[in-house]
């Protein structure tokens, strides 16, 4: 399952099924936002913007939720190209995650009430009664992760070792995750 490269001093893992879900559950709660990457209007390349994660990420089962306004450019972009990417970064803990998935819009007011928080009211002061409020649902299909256990302190130790000994420091763990979650299955309480 894991192989070590002598050139990079990094462990590469390829996780599937429950192991992939477990890894995502370990990493996701450390992030508050994600950068959503969509294909912009024709000829404009990619478009990236921050989005606030919703729900309990420790119970992630393959679906991520975000609130948005149904008039936002991302709506048009996702309607044209539903394949999206999410990028997560936590410099302090030296954790990074990139996820791919299929995006759809959901207007389920019950789900909105379940996910709506006081922080969400910052962008949607009318709450779930806002006629333009919609949920962006992303069914994750896979991605990649990079992490250095120990965070900044481990990075400083690796740097010091490298300078003192003249050898390359350990760069941590990296790998891919593959999830097979059918896009037509509503996963209810998924974070």
Protein backbone atom coordinates (compact mmCIF):
# COMPACT_ATOMS: atom_id res chain seq x y z
CA UNK A 1 0.00 0.00 0.00
CA UNK A 2 2.77 2.50 0.81
CA UNK A 3 6.07 2.84 -0.98
CA UNK A 4 9.03 4.96 -0.03
CA UNK A 5 11.14 6.78 -2.59
CA UNK A 6 14.84 7.15 -1.78
CA UNK A 7 15.02 10.25 -3.96
CA UNK A 8 12.33 12.27 -2.23
CA UNK A 9 12.19 10.91 1.33
CA UNK A 10 8.41 10.96 1.14
CA UNK A 11 5.90 8.17 1.66
CA UNK A 12 3.41 7.80 -1.18
CA UNK A 13 0.11 6.14 -0.40
CA UNK A 14 -2.83 5.25 -2.61
CA UNK A 15 -5.97 4.92 -0.53
CA UNK A 16 -9.32 3.61 -1.73
CA UNK A 17 -12.72 2.92 -0.21
CA UNK A 18 -13.01 3.17 3.58
CA UNK A 19 -9.28 3.99 3.97
CA UNK A 20 -9.76 7.01 1.67
CA UNK A 21 -12.84 8.16 3.60
CA UNK A 22 -10.96 7.74 6.90
CA UNK A 23 -8.01 9.84 5.64
CA UNK A 24 -10.40 12.59 4.46
CA UNK A 25 -12.18 12.50 7.86
CA UNK A 26 -8.81 12.95 9.58
CA UNK A 27 -7.78 15.91 7.44
CA UNK A 28 -11.02 17.83 6.73
CA UNK A 29 -11.84 19.07 10.27
CA UNK A 30 -8.55 21.02 10.26
CA UNK A 31 -9.82 23.28 7.46
CA UNK A 32 -12.45 26.04 7.67
CA UNK A 33 -12.45 27.00 4.03
CA UNK A 34 -11.64 25.55 0.65
CA UNK A 35 -10.70 27.16 -2.61
CA UNK A 36 -13.31 26.06 -5.16
CA UNK A 37 -11.89 25.71 -8.67
CA UNK A 38 -14.29 25.76 -11.61
CA UNK A 39 -13.87 26.09 -15.34
CA UNK A 40 -14.59 29.75 -16.06
CA UNK A 41 -16.46 31.13 -19.02
CA UNK A 42 -15.24 29.87 -22.38
CA UNK A 43 -11.66 30.88 -23.05
CA UNK A 44 -11.15 32.33 -19.57
CA UNK A 45 -9.35 29.34 -18.02
CA UNK A 46 -9.99 28.40 -14.41
CA UNK A 47 -11.75 30.41 -11.71
CA UNK A 48 -10.93 29.98 -8.02
CA UNK A 49 -12.63 31.44 -4.97
CA UNK A 50 -12.80 30.69 -1.20
CA UNK A 51 -15.83 28.85 0.15
CA UNK A 52 -16.77 28.15 3.79
CA UNK A 53 -17.15 24.46 4.64
CA UNK A 54 -20.48 23.43 6.17
CA UNK A 55 -21.48 20.61 8.48
CA UNK A 56 -19.62 18.15 10.68
CA UNK A 57 -16.56 17.19 8.64
CA UNK A 58 -15.60 14.41 11.05
CA UNK A 59 -18.47 12.34 9.63
CA UNK A 60 -17.56 13.00 5.99
CA UNK A 61 -18.94 10.23 3.82
CA UNK A 62 -18.10 11.56 0.36
CA UNK A 63 -20.20 14.73 0.12
CA UNK A 64 -19.22 18.31 1.00
CA UNK A 65 -21.67 21.21 1.31
CA UNK A 66 -21.31 24.96 0.73
CA UNK A 67 -23.83 27.83 0.73
CA UNK A 68 -23.94 30.16 -2.25
CA UNK A 69 -26.11 32.72 -3.98
CA UNK A 70 -27.88 31.35 -7.06
CA UNK A 71 -26.87 34.48 -9.00
CA UNK A 72 -23.11 33.97 -8.46
CA UNK A 73 -20.86 33.28 -11.49
CA UNK A 74 -19.94 29.86 -10.04
CA UNK A 75 -23.52 28.71 -10.63
CA UNK A 76 -23.25 29.31 -14.37
CA UNK A 77 -19.77 27.73 -14.42
CA UNK A 78 -20.90 24.58 -12.60
CA UNK A 79 -23.98 24.27 -14.81
CA UNK A 80 -21.65 24.21 -17.83
CA UNK A 81 -18.94 21.99 -16.29
CA UNK A 82 -19.95 20.10 -13.15
CA UNK A 83 -16.47 18.70 -12.49
CA UNK A 84 -14.77 20.87 -9.86
CA UNK A 85 -11.76 20.81 -7.61
CA UNK A 86 -11.32 21.92 -3.99
CA UNK A 87 -7.98 23.01 -2.54
CA UNK A 88 -7.36 23.09 1.23
CA UNK A 89 -4.27 24.49 2.96
CA UNK A 90 -3.15 24.63 6.59
CA UNK A 91 0.38 26.04 6.69
CA UNK A 92 0.68 25.89 10.46
CA UNK A 93 -0.07 22.17 10.63
CA UNK A 94 1.69 21.44 7.30
CA UNK A 95 -1.42 19.77 5.85
CA UNK A 96 -2.73 20.14 2.33
CA UNK A 97 -5.62 18.45 0.55
CA UNK A 98 -6.96 18.62 -2.98
CA UNK A 99 -10.28 16.96 -3.86
CA UNK A 100 -12.06 16.46 -7.17
CA UNK A 101 -15.77 15.93 -7.51
CA UNK A 102 -19.05 16.58 -9.22
CA UNK A 103 -20.99 19.68 -8.21
CA UNK A 104 -24.75 20.13 -8.17
CA UNK A 105 -27.09 22.70 -6.64
CA UNK A 106 -29.65 21.74 -4.01
CA UNK A 107 -32.54 23.91 -2.76
CA UNK A 108 -33.62 21.60 0.08
CA UNK A 109 -34.65 24.08 2.83
CA UNK A 110 -34.49 21.31 5.47
CA UNK A 111 -30.85 20.61 4.60
CA UNK A 112 -30.19 24.36 4.61
CA UNK A 113 -31.66 24.69 8.13
CA UNK A 114 -29.50 21.77 9.26
CA UNK A 115 -26.29 23.38 7.97
CA UNK A 116 -27.02 27.07 8.54
CA UNK A 117 -24.94 28.70 11.30
CA UNK A 118 -24.54 32.16 12.81
CA UNK A 119 -21.39 32.60 10.70
CA UNK A 120 -23.37 31.88 7.52
CA UNK A 121 -25.67 34.77 8.40
CA UNK A 122 -22.72 37.09 7.64
CA UNK A 123 -23.23 36.42 3.92
CA UNK A 124 -26.93 35.57 4.03
CA UNK A 125 -28.59 37.88 6.60
CA UNK A 126 -32.08 36.67 5.63
CA UNK A 127 -31.14 33.11 6.59
CA UNK A 128 -32.74 30.13 4.87
CA UNK A 129 -35.63 32.36 3.77
CA UNK A 130 -33.32 34.17 1.33
CA UNK A 131 -34.83 33.33 -2.08
CA UNK A 132 -31.35 33.29 -3.67
CA UNK A 133 -29.78 30.95 -1.10
CA UNK A 134 -28.79 27.57 -2.50
CA UNK A 135 -26.51 24.74 -1.47
CA UNK A 136 -23.58 23.66 -3.56
CA UNK A 137 -23.19 19.91 -3.11
CA UNK A 138 -19.92 18.29 -4.14
CA UNK A 139 -19.73 14.53 -4.39
CA UNK A 140 -16.04 13.80 -4.04
CA UNK A 141 -14.48 11.27 -6.42
CA UNK A 142 -10.84 11.50 -5.38
CA UNK A 143 -7.89 13.72 -4.73
CA UNK A 144 -4.47 14.00 -3.16
CA UNK A 145 -3.02 14.89 0.23
CA UNK A 146 0.29 16.04 1.64
CA UNK A 147 1.11 16.24 5.32
CA UNK A 148 4.03 16.52 7.65
CA UNK A 149 3.17 15.19 11.09
CA UNK A 150 4.44 17.60 13.71
CA UNK A 151 3.71 20.68 11.59
CA UNK A 152 6.01 23.68 11.83
CA UNK A 153 8.22 22.19 14.54
CA UNK A 154 8.88 19.08 12.44
CA UNK A 155 9.65 21.26 9.41
CA UNK A 156 12.14 23.33 11.44
CA UNK A 157 13.81 20.15 12.72
CA UNK A 158 14.08 18.77 9.16
CA UNK A 159 15.56 22.09 7.98
CA UNK A 160 18.09 22.16 10.84
CA UNK A 161 19.10 18.54 10.20
CA UNK A 162 19.53 19.28 6.50
CA UNK A 163 21.75 22.33 7.17
CA UNK A 164 23.86 20.60 9.82
CA UNK A 165 24.32 17.24 8.08
CA UNK A 166 24.12 18.30 4.45
CA UNK A 167 21.46 15.66 3.79
CA UNK A 168 17.93 16.04 2.55
CA UNK A 169 15.24 16.20 5.25
CA UNK A 170 12.14 14.01 5.43
CA UNK A 171 9.35 15.65 3.47
CA UNK A 172 6.44 13.82 5.11
CA UNK A 173 3.61 11.78 3.62
CA UNK A 174 1.70 12.23 0.41
CA UNK A 175 -0.82 10.18 -1.43
CA UNK A 176 -4.01 9.91 -3.39
CA UNK A 177 -7.51 9.02 -2.34
CA UNK A 178 -10.21 7.47 -4.50
CA UNK A 179 -13.83 7.47 -3.44
CA UNK A 180 -16.64 5.84 -5.31
CA UNK A 181 -19.77 7.66 -4.21
CA UNK A 182 -22.70 7.55 -6.66
CA UNK A 183 -23.73 11.14 -7.46
CA UNK A 184 -27.45 10.22 -7.41
CA UNK A 185 -27.43 8.95 -3.83
CA UNK A 186 -28.51 11.63 -1.35
CA UNK A 187 -26.29 11.14 1.67
CA UNK A 188 -28.41 13.06 4.10
CA UNK A 189 -26.31 13.94 7.13
CA UNK A 190 -22.92 14.00 5.42
CA UNK A 191 -20.55 16.82 6.43
